[in-house]
Amino acid sequence: RLLPQIDLEDFRAAVHFLKRKSTLLRSAPDPTSKPVFELN
């Protein structure tokens, strides 16, 4: 069976990509908070 039809623009709105080669994922919305993971 096919997945339900969705709108292409709605689909694109859900997708995010990293601009840089890597960046830190932090535990809180604060640059001094604990790093929990390195996104690449």
PDB file of all heavy atoms in Angstrom:
ATOM      1  N   ARG A   1       0.845  -1.186   0.000  1.00  0.00           N
ATOM      2  CA  ARG A   1       0.000   0.000   0.000  1.00  0.00           C
ATOM      3  C   ARG A   1       0.885   1.242   0.000  1.00  0.00           C
ATOM      4  O   ARG A   1       1.989   1.233   0.554  1.00  0.00           O
ATOM      5  CB  ARG A   1      -0.913   0.002   1.222  1.00  0.00           C
ATOM      6  CG  ARG A   1      -0.171   0.265   2.520  1.00  0.00           C
ATOM      7  CD  ARG A   1      -1.015  -0.039   3.744  1.00  0.00           C
ATOM      8  NE  ARG A   1      -0.357   0.360   4.975  1.00  0.00           N
ATOM      9  CZ  ARG A   1       0.615  -0.326   5.567  1.00  0.00           C
ATOM     10  NH1 ARG A   1       1.073  -1.420   5.017  1.00  0.00           N
ATOM     11  NH2 ARG A   1       1.140   0.103   6.702  1.00  0.00           N
ATOM     12  N   LEU A   2       0.401   2.309  -0.622  1.00  0.00           N
ATOM     13  CA  LEU A   2       1.166   3.547  -0.673  1.00  0.00           C
ATOM     14  C   LEU A   2       0.976   4.336   0.612  1.00  0.00           C
ATOM     15  O   LEU A   2      -0.079   4.261   1.263  1.00  0.00           O
ATOM     16  CB  LEU A   2       0.731   4.394  -1.864  1.00  0.00           C
ATOM     17  CG  LEU A   2       0.928   3.782  -3.255  1.00  0.00           C
ATOM     18  CD1 LEU A   2       0.522   4.794  -4.321  1.00  0.00           C
ATOM     19  CD2 LEU A   2       2.359   3.323  -3.466  1.00  0.00           C
ATOM     20  N   LEU A   3       1.984   5.095   0.968  1.00  0.00           N
ATOM     21  CA  LEU A   3       1.852   6.021   2.079  1.00  0.00           C
ATOM     22  C   LEU A   3       0.878   7.129   1.706  1.00  0.00           C
ATOM     23  O   LEU A   3       0.686   7.428   0.523  1.00  0.00           O
ATOM     24  CB  LEU A   3       3.208   6.625   2.422  1.00  0.00           C
ATOM     25  CG  LEU A   3       4.195   5.651   3.068  1.00  0.00           C
ATOM     26  CD1 LEU A   3       5.600   6.216   3.009  1.00  0.00           C
ATOM     27  CD2 LEU A   3       3.792   5.369   4.500  1.00  0.00           C
ATOM     28  N   PRO A   4       0.234   7.765   2.686  1.00  0.00           N
ATOM     29  CA  PRO A   4      -0.723   8.835   2.376  1.00  0.00           C
ATOM     30  C   PRO A   4      -0.083   9.963   1.580  1.00  0.00           C
ATOM     31  O   PRO A   4       1.093  10.279   1.752  1.00  0.00           O
ATOM     32  CB  PRO A   4      -1.164   9.321   3.768  1.00  0.00           C
ATOM     33  CG  PRO A   4      -0.898   8.162   4.674  1.00  0.00           C
ATOM     34  CD  PRO A   4       0.318   7.484   4.125  1.00  0.00           C
ATOM     35  N   GLN A   5      -0.881  10.583   0.723  1.00  0.00           N
ATOM     36  CA  GLN A   5      -0.401  11.711  -0.071  1.00  0.00           C
ATOM     37  C   GLN A   5      -0.178  12.918   0.837  1.00  0.00           C
ATOM     38  O   GLN A   5      -0.995  13.224   1.703  1.00  0.00           O
ATOM     39  CB  GLN A   5      -1.439  12.068  -1.143  1.00  0.00           C
ATOM     40  CG  GLN A   5      -1.042  13.231  -2.037  1.00  0.00           C
ATOM     41  CD  GLN A   5       0.159  12.901  -2.907  1.00  0.00           C
ATOM     42  OE1 GLN A   5       0.121  11.959  -3.675  1.00  0.00           O
ATOM     43  NE2 GLN A   5       1.222  13.673  -2.779  1.00  0.00           N
ATOM     44  N   ILE A   6       0.961  13.586   0.654  1.00  0.00           N
ATOM     45  CA  ILE A   6       1.236  14.808   1.391  1.00  0.00           C
ATOM     46  C   ILE A   6       1.707  15.873   0.410  1.00  0.00           C
ATOM     47  O   ILE A   6       2.045  15.584  -0.735  1.00  0.00           O
ATOM     48  CB  ILE A   6       2.296  14.599   2.493  1.00  0.00           C
ATOM     49  CG1 ILE A   6       3.625  14.112   1.874  1.00  0.00           C
ATOM     50  CG2 ILE A   6       1.801  13.630   3.543  1.00  0.00           C
ATOM     51  CD1 ILE A   6       4.743  13.991   2.878  1.00  0.00           C
ATOM     52  N   ASP A   7       1.722  17.100   0.876  1.00  0.00           N
ATOM     53  CA  ASP A   7       2.123  18.225   0.037  1.00  0.00           C
ATOM     54  C   ASP A   7       3.650  18.340   0.012  1.00  0.00           C
ATOM     55  O   ASP A   7       4.318  18.185   1.039  1.00  0.00           O
ATOM     56  CB  ASP A   7       1.511  19.512   0.600  1.00  0.00           C
ATOM     57  CG  ASP A   7       1.881  20.721  -0.235  1.00  0.00           C
ATOM     58  OD1 ASP A   7       1.366  20.846  -1.350  1.00  0.00           O
ATOM     59  OD2 ASP A   7       2.690  21.537   0.256  1.00  0.00           O
ATOM     60  N   LEU A   8       4.218  18.612  -1.158  1.00  0.00           N
ATOM     61  CA  LEU A   8       5.668  18.680  -1.298  1.00  0.00           C
ATOM     62  C   LEU A   8       6.263  19.774  -0.412  1.00  0.00           C
ATOM     63  O   LEU A   8       7.313  19.591   0.198  1.00  0.00           O
ATOM     64  CB  LEU A   8       6.053  18.917  -2.754  1.00  0.00           C
ATOM     65  CG  LEU A   8       7.557  18.991  -3.056  1.00  0.00           C
ATOM     66  CD1 LEU A   8       8.249  17.687  -2.679  1.00  0.00           C
ATOM     67  CD2 LEU A   8       7.798  19.308  -4.529  1.00  0.00           C
ATOM     68  N   GLU A   9       5.624  20.920  -0.324  1.00  0.00           N
ATOM     69  CA  GLU A   9       6.164  21.995   0.496  1.00  0.00           C
ATOM     70  C   GLU A   9       6.118  21.655   1.982  1.00  0.00           C
ATOM     71  O   GLU A   9       7.014  22.008   2.751  1.00  0.00           O
ATOM     72  CB  GLU A   9       5.418  23.297   0.208  1.00  0.00           C
ATOM     73  CG  GLU A   9       5.679  23.839  -1.185  1.00  0.00           C
ATOM     74  CD  GLU A   9       7.166  23.947  -1.487  1.00  0.00           C
ATOM     75  OE1 GLU A   9       7.907  24.524  -0.652  1.00  0.00           O
ATOM     76  OE2 GLU A   9       7.606  23.441  -2.533  1.00  0.00           O
ATOM     77  N   ASP A  10       5.073  20.964   2.399  1.00  0.00           N
ATOM     78  CA  ASP A  10       5.020  20.500   3.779  1.00  0.00           C
ATOM     79  C   ASP A  10       6.166  19.528   4.048  1.00  0.00           C
ATOM     80  O   ASP A  10       6.812  19.556   5.108  1.00  0.00           O
ATOM     81  CB  ASP A  10       3.682  19.805   4.065  1.00  0.00           C
ATOM     82  CG  ASP A  10       2.529  20.783   4.146  1.00  0.00           C
ATOM     83  OD1 ASP A  10       2.772  21.974   4.382  1.00  0.00           O
ATOM     84  OD2 ASP A  10       1.379  20.350   3.964  1.00  0.00           O
ATOM     85  N   PHE A  11       6.406  18.662   3.100  1.00  0.00           N
ATOM     86  CA  PHE A  11       7.495  17.704   3.217  1.00  0.00           C
ATOM     87  C   PHE A  11       8.829  18.426   3.367  1.00  0.00           C
ATOM     88  O   PHE A  11       9.627  18.119   4.256  1.00  0.00           O
ATOM     89  CB  PHE A  11       7.499  16.807   1.977  1.00  0.00           C
ATOM     90  CG  PHE A  11       8.699  15.923   1.863  1.00  0.00           C
ATOM     91  CD1 PHE A  11       8.746  14.716   2.536  1.00  0.00           C
ATOM     92  CD2 PHE A  11       9.768  16.288   1.075  1.00  0.00           C
ATOM     93  CE1 PHE A  11       9.841  13.883   2.429  1.00  0.00           C
ATOM     94  CE2 PHE A  11      10.878  15.464   0.962  1.00  0.00           C
ATOM     95  CZ  PHE A  11      10.913  14.261   1.639  1.00  0.00           C
ATOM     96  N   ARG A  12       9.085  19.399   2.498  1.00  0.00           N
ATOM     97  CA  ARG A  12      10.355  20.113   2.562  1.00  0.00           C
ATOM     98  C   ARG A  12      10.508  20.868   3.894  1.00  0.00           C
ATOM     99  O   ARG A  12      11.622  21.019   4.397  1.00  0.00           O
ATOM    100  CB  ARG A  12      10.479  21.083   1.396  1.00  0.00           C
ATOM    101  CG  ARG A  12      10.610  20.404   0.027  1.00  0.00           C
ATOM    102  CD  ARG A  12      10.922  21.449  -1.031  1.00  0.00           C
ATOM    103  NE  ARG A  12      10.848  20.928  -2.383  1.00  0.00           N
ATOM    104  CZ  ARG A  12      11.817  20.232  -2.983  1.00  0.00           C
ATOM    105  NH1 ARG A  12      12.917  19.947  -2.333  1.00  0.00           N
ATOM    106  NH2 ARG A  12      11.663  19.818  -4.227  1.00  0.00           N
ATOM    107  N   ALA A  13       9.406  21.330   4.443  1.00  0.00           N
ATOM    108  CA  ALA A  13       9.475  22.081   5.694  1.00  0.00           C
ATOM    109  C   ALA A  13       9.963  21.228   6.862  1.00  0.00           C
ATOM    110  O   ALA A  13      10.455  21.756   7.859  1.00  0.00           O
ATOM    111  CB  ALA A  13       8.097  22.665   6.024  1.00  0.00           C
ATOM    112  N   ALA A  14       9.858  19.914   6.733  1.00  0.00           N
ATOM    113  CA  ALA A  14      10.272  19.028   7.820  1.00  0.00           C
ATOM    114  C   ALA A  14      11.737  18.649   7.756  1.00  0.00           C
ATOM    115  O   ALA A  14      12.266  18.053   8.695  1.00  0.00           O
ATOM    116  CB  ALA A  14       9.424  17.751   7.786  1.00  0.00           C
ATOM    117  N   VAL A  15      12.411  18.987   6.672  1.00  0.00           N
ATOM    118  CA  VAL A  15      13.777  18.514   6.442  1.00  0.00           C
ATOM    119  C   VAL A  15      14.780  19.618   6.759  1.00  0.00           C
ATOM    120  O   VAL A  15      14.634  20.749   6.288  1.00  0.00           O
ATOM    121  CB  VAL A  15      13.946  18.075   4.969  1.00  0.00           C
ATOM    122  CG1 VAL A  15      15.314  17.447   4.769  1.00  0.00           C
ATOM    123  CG2 VAL A  15      12.847  17.108   4.565  1.00  0.00           C
ATOM    124  N   HIS A  16      15.795  19.294   7.544  1.00  0.00           N
ATOM    125  CA  HIS A  16      16.849  20.249   7.870  1.00  0.00           C
ATOM    126  C   HIS A  16      18.213  19.615   7.626  1.00  0.00           C
ATOM    127  O   HIS A  16      18.412  18.421   7.864  1.00  0.00           O
ATOM    128  CB  HIS A  16      16.753  20.697   9.336  1.00  0.00           C
ATOM    129  CG  HIS A  16      15.575  21.568   9.607  1.00  0.00           C
ATOM    130  ND1 HIS A  16      14.291  21.070   9.686  1.00  0.00           N
ATOM    131  CD2 HIS A  16      15.472  22.908   9.817  1.00  0.00           C
ATOM    132  CE1 HIS A  16      13.457  22.071   9.929  1.00  0.00           C
ATOM    133  NE2 HIS A  16      14.145  23.181  10.010  1.00  0.00           N
ATOM    134  N   PHE A  17      19.146  20.432   7.154  1.00  0.00           N
ATOM    135  CA  PHE A  17      20.496  19.980   6.875  1.00  0.00           C
ATOM    136  C   PHE A  17      21.504  20.856   7.605  1.00  0.00           C
ATOM    137  O   PHE A  17      21.259  22.048   7.837  1.00  0.00           O
ATOM    138  CB  PHE A  17      20.779  20.024   5.367  1.00  0.00           C
ATOM    139  CG  PHE A  17      19.925  19.102   4.561  1.00  0.00           C
ATOM    140  CD1 PHE A  17      18.767  19.577   3.948  1.00  0.00           C
ATOM    141  CD2 PHE A  17      20.269  17.771   4.405  1.00  0.00           C
ATOM    142  CE1 PHE A  17      17.968  18.735   3.207  1.00  0.00           C
ATOM    143  CE2 PHE A  17      19.476  16.923   3.661  1.00  0.00           C
ATOM    144  CZ  PHE A  17      18.330  17.400   3.054  1.00  0.00           C
ATOM    145  N   LEU A  18      22.633  20.271   7.933  1.00  0.00           N
ATOM    146  CA  LEU A  18      23.703  20.998   8.587  1.00  0.00           C
ATOM    147  C   LEU A  18      24.453  21.846   7.559  1.00  0.00           C
ATOM    148  O   LEU A  18      24.852  21.352   6.512  1.00  0.00           O
ATOM    149  CB  LEU A  18      24.656  19.997   9.246  1.00  0.00           C
ATOM    150  CG  LEU A  18      25.601  20.517  10.325  1.00  0.00           C
ATOM    151  CD1 LEU A  18      24.800  21.033  11.518  1.00  0.00           C
ATOM    152  CD2 LEU A  18      26.539  19.388  10.757  1.00  0.00           C
ATOM    153  N   LYS A  19      24.645  23.123   7.880  1.00  0.00           N
ATOM    154  CA  LYS A  19      25.396  24.015   6.987  1.00  0.00           C
ATOM    155  C   LYS A  19      26.893  23.755   7.060  1.00  0.00           C
ATOM    156  O   LYS A  19      27.605  23.906   6.083  1.00  0.00           O
ATOM    157  CB  LYS A  19      25.140  25.479   7.361  1.00  0.00           C
ATOM    158  CG  LYS A  19      23.755  25.996   7.051  1.00  0.00           C
ATOM    159  CD  LYS A  19      23.681  27.459   7.456  1.00  0.00           C
ATOM    160  CE  LYS A  19      22.306  28.052   7.211  1.00  0.00           C
ATOM    161  NZ  LYS A  19      22.246  29.456   7.642  1.00  0.00           N
ATOM    162  N   ARG A  20      27.356  23.388   8.236  1.00  0.00           N
ATOM    163  CA  ARG A  20      28.789  23.225   8.475  1.00  0.00           C
ATOM    164  C   ARG A  20      29.163  21.745   8.424  1.00  0.00           C
ATOM    165  O   ARG A  20      28.302  20.864   8.371  1.00  0.00           O
ATOM    166  CB  ARG A  20      29.132  23.807   9.844  1.00  0.00           C
ATOM    167  CG  ARG A  20      28.725  25.255  10.019  1.00  0.00           C
ATOM    168  CD  ARG A  20      28.776  25.685  11.469  1.00  0.00           C
ATOM    169  NE  ARG A  20      30.092  25.441  12.053  1.00  0.00           N
ATOM    170  CZ  ARG A  20      30.371  25.621  13.344  1.00  0.00           C
ATOM    171  NH1 ARG A  20      29.424  26.041  14.168  1.00  0.00           N
ATOM    172  NH2 ARG A  20      31.572  25.391  13.801  1.00  0.00           N
ATOM    173  N   LYS A  21      30.464  21.480   8.467  1.00  0.00           N
ATOM    174  CA  LYS A  21      30.938  20.098   8.482  1.00  0.00           C
ATOM    175  C   LYS A  21      30.515  19.400   9.760  1.00  0.00           C
ATOM    176  O   LYS A  21      30.182  18.205   9.767  1.00  0.00           O
ATOM    177  CB  LYS A  21      32.461  20.066   8.329  1.00  0.00           C
ATOM    178  CG  LYS A  21      33.041  18.675   8.197  1.00  0.00           C
ATOM    179  CD  LYS A  21      34.540  18.727   7.940  1.00  0.00           C
ATOM    180  CE  LYS A  21      35.117  17.327   7.782  1.00  0.00           C
ATOM    181  NZ  LYS A  21      36.582  17.377   7.517  1.00  0.00           N
ATOM    182  N   SER A  22      30.519  20.130  10.868  1.00  0.00           N
ATOM    183  CA  SER A  22      30.083  19.570  12.144  1.00  0.00           C
ATOM    184  C   SER A  22      29.701  20.691  13.087  1.00  0.00           C
ATOM    185  O   SER A  22      30.096  21.849  12.904  1.00  0.00           O
ATOM    186  CB  SER A  22      31.182  18.706  12.770  1.00  0.00           C
ATOM    187  OG  SER A  22      32.301  19.493  13.120  1.00  0.00           O
ATOM    188  N   THR A  23      28.920  20.352  14.099  1.00  0.00           N
ATOM    189  CA  THR A  23      28.555  21.301  15.137  1.00  0.00           C
ATOM    190  C   THR A  23      28.133  20.518  16.363  1.00  0.00           C
ATOM    191  O   THR A  23      27.815  19.323  16.275  1.00  0.00           O
ATOM    192  CB  THR A  23      27.429  22.240  14.678  1.00  0.00           C
ATOM    193  OG1 THR A  23      27.301  23.330  15.608  1.00  0.00           O
ATOM    194  CG2 THR A  23      26.093  21.518  14.617  1.00  0.00           C
ATOM    195  N   LEU A  24      28.102  21.178  17.511  1.00  0.00           N
ATOM    196  CA  LEU A  24      27.758  20.490  18.744  1.00  0.00           C
ATOM    197  C   LEU A  24      26.266  20.556  19.031  1.00  0.00           C
ATOM    198  O   LEU A  24      25.634  21.607  18.890  1.00  0.00           O
ATOM    199  CB  LEU A  24      28.525  21.095  19.923  1.00  0.00           C
ATOM    200  CG  LEU A  24      30.028  20.830  19.959  1.00  0.00           C
ATOM    201  CD1 LEU A  24      30.660  21.576  21.130  1.00  0.00           C
ATOM    202  CD2 LEU A  24      30.315  19.338  20.067  1.00  0.00           C
ATOM    203  N   LEU A  25      25.730  19.429  19.424  1.00  0.00           N
ATOM    204  CA  LEU A  25      24.381  19.358  19.964  1.00  0.00           C
ATOM    205  C   LEU A  25      24.517  19.516  21.467  1.00  0.00           C
ATOM    206  O   LEU A  25      25.298  18.797  22.104  1.00  0.00           O
ATOM    207  CB  LEU A  25      23.754  18.006  19.610  1.00  0.00           C
ATOM    208  CG  LEU A  25      22.264  17.825  19.853  1.00  0.00           C
ATOM    209  CD1 LEU A  25      21.464  18.689  18.888  1.00  0.00           C
ATOM    210  CD2 LEU A  25      21.895  16.356  19.687  1.00  0.00           C
ATOM    211  N   ARG A  26      23.777  20.466  22.035  1.00  0.00           N
ATOM    212  CA  ARG A  26      23.932  20.777  23.461  1.00  0.00           C
ATOM    213  C   ARG A  26      22.694  20.396  24.257  1.00  0.00           C
ATOM    214  O   ARG A  26      21.608  20.240  23.693  1.00  0.00           O
ATOM    215  CB  ARG A  26      24.263  22.255  23.639  1.00  0.00           C
ATOM    216  CG  ARG A  26      25.612  22.639  23.022  1.00  0.00           C
ATOM    217  CD  ARG A  26      26.004  24.067  23.344  1.00  0.00           C
ATOM    218  NE  ARG A  26      27.333  24.391  22.827  1.00  0.00           N
ATOM    219  CZ  ARG A  26      28.465  24.142  23.476  1.00  0.00           C
ATOM    220  NH1 ARG A  26      28.421  23.581  24.683  1.00  0.00           N
ATOM    221  NH2 ARG A  26      29.633  24.452  22.944  1.00  0.00           N
ATOM    222  N   SER A  27      22.878  20.259  25.552  1.00  0.00           N
ATOM    223  CA  SER A  27      21.801  19.787  26.417  1.00  0.00           C
ATOM    224  C   SER A  27      20.716  20.828  26.647  1.00  0.00           C
ATOM    225  O   SER A  27      19.601  20.487  27.053  1.00  0.00           O
ATOM    226  CB  SER A  27      22.377  19.350  27.762  1.00  0.00           C
ATOM    227  OG  SER A  27      23.056  20.435  28.389  1.00  0.00           O
ATOM    228  N   ALA A  28      21.026  22.094  26.395  1.00  0.00           N
ATOM    229  CA  ALA A  28      20.068  23.180  26.617  1.00  0.00           C
ATOM    230  C   ALA A  28      20.322  24.272  25.574  1.00  0.00           C
ATOM    231  O   ALA A  28      21.388  24.316  24.960  1.00  0.00           O
ATOM    232  CB  ALA A  28      20.211  23.736  28.032  1.00  0.00           C
ATOM    233  N   PRO A  29      19.343  25.156  25.372  1.00  0.00           N
ATOM    234  CA  PRO A  29      19.521  26.232  24.387  1.00  0.00           C
ATOM    235  C   PRO A  29      20.422  27.333  24.910  1.00  0.00           C
ATOM    236  O   PRO A  29      20.004  28.475  25.129  1.00  0.00           O
ATOM    237  CB  PRO A  29      18.084  26.714  24.156  1.00  0.00           C
ATOM    238  CG  PRO A  29      17.370  26.404  25.421  1.00  0.00           C
ATOM    239  CD  PRO A  29      17.976  25.131  25.921  1.00  0.00           C
ATOM    240  N   ASP A  30      21.690  26.973  25.117  1.00  0.00           N
ATOM    241  CA  ASP A  30      22.657  27.877  25.738  1.00  0.00           C
ATOM    242  C   ASP A  30      24.044  27.444  25.278  1.00  0.00           C
ATOM    243  O   ASP A  30      24.398  26.260  25.404  1.00  0.00           O
ATOM    244  CB  ASP A  30      22.535  27.767  27.266  1.00  0.00           C
ATOM    245  CG  ASP A  30      23.429  28.744  28.004  1.00  0.00           C
ATOM    246  OD1 ASP A  30      24.525  29.053  27.504  1.00  0.00           O
ATOM    247  OD2 ASP A  30      23.038  29.170  29.098  1.00  0.00           O
ATOM    248  N   PRO A  31      24.861  28.365  24.779  1.00  0.00           N
ATOM    249  CA  PRO A  31      26.183  27.976  24.278  1.00  0.00           C
ATOM    250  C   PRO A  31      27.122  27.457  25.365  1.00  0.00           C
ATOM    251  O   PRO A  31      28.155  26.863  25.046  1.00  0.00           O
ATOM    252  CB  PRO A  31      26.721  29.266  23.661  1.00  0.00           C
ATOM    253  CG  PRO A  31      25.960  30.358  24.332  1.00  0.00           C
ATOM    254  CD  PRO A  31      24.603  29.796  24.594  1.00  0.00           C
ATOM    255  N   THR A  32      26.781  27.659  26.624  1.00  0.00           N
ATOM    256  CA  THR A  32      27.620  27.158  27.714  1.00  0.00           C
ATOM    257  C   THR A  32      27.118  25.824  28.262  1.00  0.00           C
ATOM    258  O   THR A  32      27.740  25.269  29.173  1.00  0.00           O
ATOM    259  CB  THR A  32      27.672  28.181  28.857  1.00  0.00           C
ATOM    260  OG1 THR A  32      26.355  28.345  29.416  1.00  0.00           O
ATOM    261  CG2 THR A  32      28.192  29.525  28.370  1.00  0.00           C
ATOM    262  N   SER A  33      26.007  25.318  27.752  1.00  0.00           N
ATOM    263  CA  SER A  33      25.466  24.055  28.256  1.00  0.00           C
ATOM    264  C   SER A  33      26.318  22.882  27.802  1.00  0.00           C
ATOM    265  O   SER A  33      27.141  22.979  26.889  1.00  0.00           O
ATOM    266  CB  SER A  33      24.017  23.883  27.802  1.00  0.00           C
ATOM    267  OG  SER A  33      23.949  23.791  26.397  1.00  0.00           O
ATOM    268  N   LYS A  34      26.099  21.750  28.421  1.00  0.00           N
ATOM    269  CA  LYS A  34      26.907  20.554  28.182  1.00  0.00           C
ATOM    270  C   LYS A  34      26.740  20.020  26.763  1.00  0.00           C
ATOM    271  O   LYS A  34      25.617  19.813  26.307  1.00  0.00           O
ATOM    272  CB  LYS A  34      26.522  19.476  29.186  1.00  0.00           C
ATOM    273  CG  LYS A  34      27.303  18.175  29.035  1.00  0.00           C
ATOM    274  CD  LYS A  34      26.821  17.155  30.044  1.00  0.00           C
ATOM    275  CE  LYS A  34      27.552  15.826  29.849  1.00  0.00           C
ATOM    276  NZ  LYS A  34      27.084  14.792  30.807  1.00  0.00           N
ATOM    277  N   PRO A  35      27.836  19.784  26.046  1.00  0.00           N
ATOM    278  CA  PRO A  35      27.728  19.126  24.738  1.00  0.00           C
ATOM    279  C   PRO A  35      27.308  17.667  24.931  1.00  0.00           C
ATOM    280  O   PRO A  35      27.850  16.972  25.802  1.00  0.00           O
ATOM    281  CB  PRO A  35      29.147  19.216  24.167  1.00  0.00           C
ATOM    282  CG  PRO A  35      29.846  20.250  24.977  1.00  0.00           C
ATOM    283  CD  PRO A  35      29.221  20.195  26.343  1.00  0.00           C
ATOM    284  N   VAL A  36      26.348  17.217  24.147  1.00  0.00           N
ATOM    285  CA  VAL A  36      25.879  15.837  24.267  1.00  0.00           C
ATOM    286  C   VAL A  36      26.191  14.995  23.036  1.00  0.00           C
ATOM    287  O   VAL A  36      26.176  13.763  23.106  1.00  0.00           O
ATOM    288  CB  VAL A  36      24.360  15.789  24.546  1.00  0.00           C
ATOM    289  CG1 VAL A  36      24.046  16.407  25.896  1.00  0.00           C
ATOM    290  CG2 VAL A  36      23.572  16.483  23.450  1.00  0.00           C
ATOM    291  N   PHE A  37      26.491  15.649  21.916  1.00  0.00           N
ATOM    292  CA  PHE A  37      26.707  14.895  20.686  1.00  0.00           C
ATOM    293  C   PHE A  37      27.295  15.831  19.642  1.00  0.00           C
ATOM    294  O   PHE A  37      27.008  17.033  19.654  1.00  0.00           O
ATOM    295  CB  PHE A  37      25.369  14.334  20.178  1.00  0.00           C
ATOM    296  CG  PHE A  37      25.478  13.305  19.099  1.00  0.00           C
ATOM    297  CD1 PHE A  37      25.807  11.991  19.393  1.00  0.00           C
ATOM    298  CD2 PHE A  37      25.241  13.646  17.770  1.00  0.00           C
ATOM    299  CE1 PHE A  37      25.903  11.041  18.399  1.00  0.00           C
ATOM    300  CE2 PHE A  37      25.328  12.696  16.773  1.00  0.00           C
ATOM    301  CZ  PHE A  37      25.661  11.386  17.083  1.00  0.00           C
ATOM    302  N   GLU A  38      28.112  15.294  18.766  1.00  0.00           N
ATOM    303  CA  GLU A  38      28.615  16.087  17.652  1.00  0.00           C
ATOM    304  C   GLU A  38      27.866  15.725  16.389  1.00  0.00           C
ATOM    305  O   GLU A  38      27.946  14.590  15.901  1.00  0.00           O
ATOM    306  CB  GLU A  38      30.114  15.866  17.441  1.00  0.00           C
ATOM    307  CG  GLU A  38      30.679  16.771  16.340  1.00  0.00           C
ATOM    308  CD  GLU A  38      32.176  16.618  16.145  1.00  0.00           C
ATOM    309  OE1 GLU A  38      32.608  15.518  15.744  1.00  0.00           O
ATOM    310  OE2 GLU A  38      32.898  17.602  16.399  1.00  0.00           O
ATOM    311  N   LEU A  39      27.117  16.672  15.859  1.00  0.00           N
ATOM    312  CA  LEU A  39      26.422  16.463  14.598  1.00  0.00           C
ATOM    313  C   LEU A  39      27.398  16.624  13.443  1.00  0.00           C
ATOM    314  O   LEU A  39      28.265  17.500  13.464  1.00  0.00           O
ATOM    315  CB  LEU A  39      25.287  17.489  14.430  1.00  0.00           C
ATOM    316  CG  LEU A  39      24.086  17.405  15.366  1.00  0.00           C
ATOM    317  CD1 LEU A  39      23.144  18.561  15.086  1.00  0.00           C
ATOM    318  CD2 LEU A  39      23.363  16.086  15.194  1.00  0.00           C
ATOM    319  N   ASN A  40      27.235  15.778  12.435  1.00  0.00           N
ATOM    320  CA  ASN A  40      28.002  15.947  11.213  1.00  0.00           C
ATOM    321  C   ASN A  40      27.064  15.828  10.015  1.00  0.00           C
ATOM    322  O   ASN A  40      25.841  15.789  10.178  1.00  0.00           O
ATOM    323  CB  ASN A  40      29.155  14.944  11.131  1.00  0.00           C
ATOM    324  CG  ASN A  40      28.676  13.505  11.213  1.00  0.00           C
ATOM    325  OD1 ASN A  40      27.707  13.121  10.557  1.00  0.00           O
ATOM    326  ND2 ASN A  40      29.358  12.696  12.009  1.00  0.00           N
TER     327      ASN A  40
END
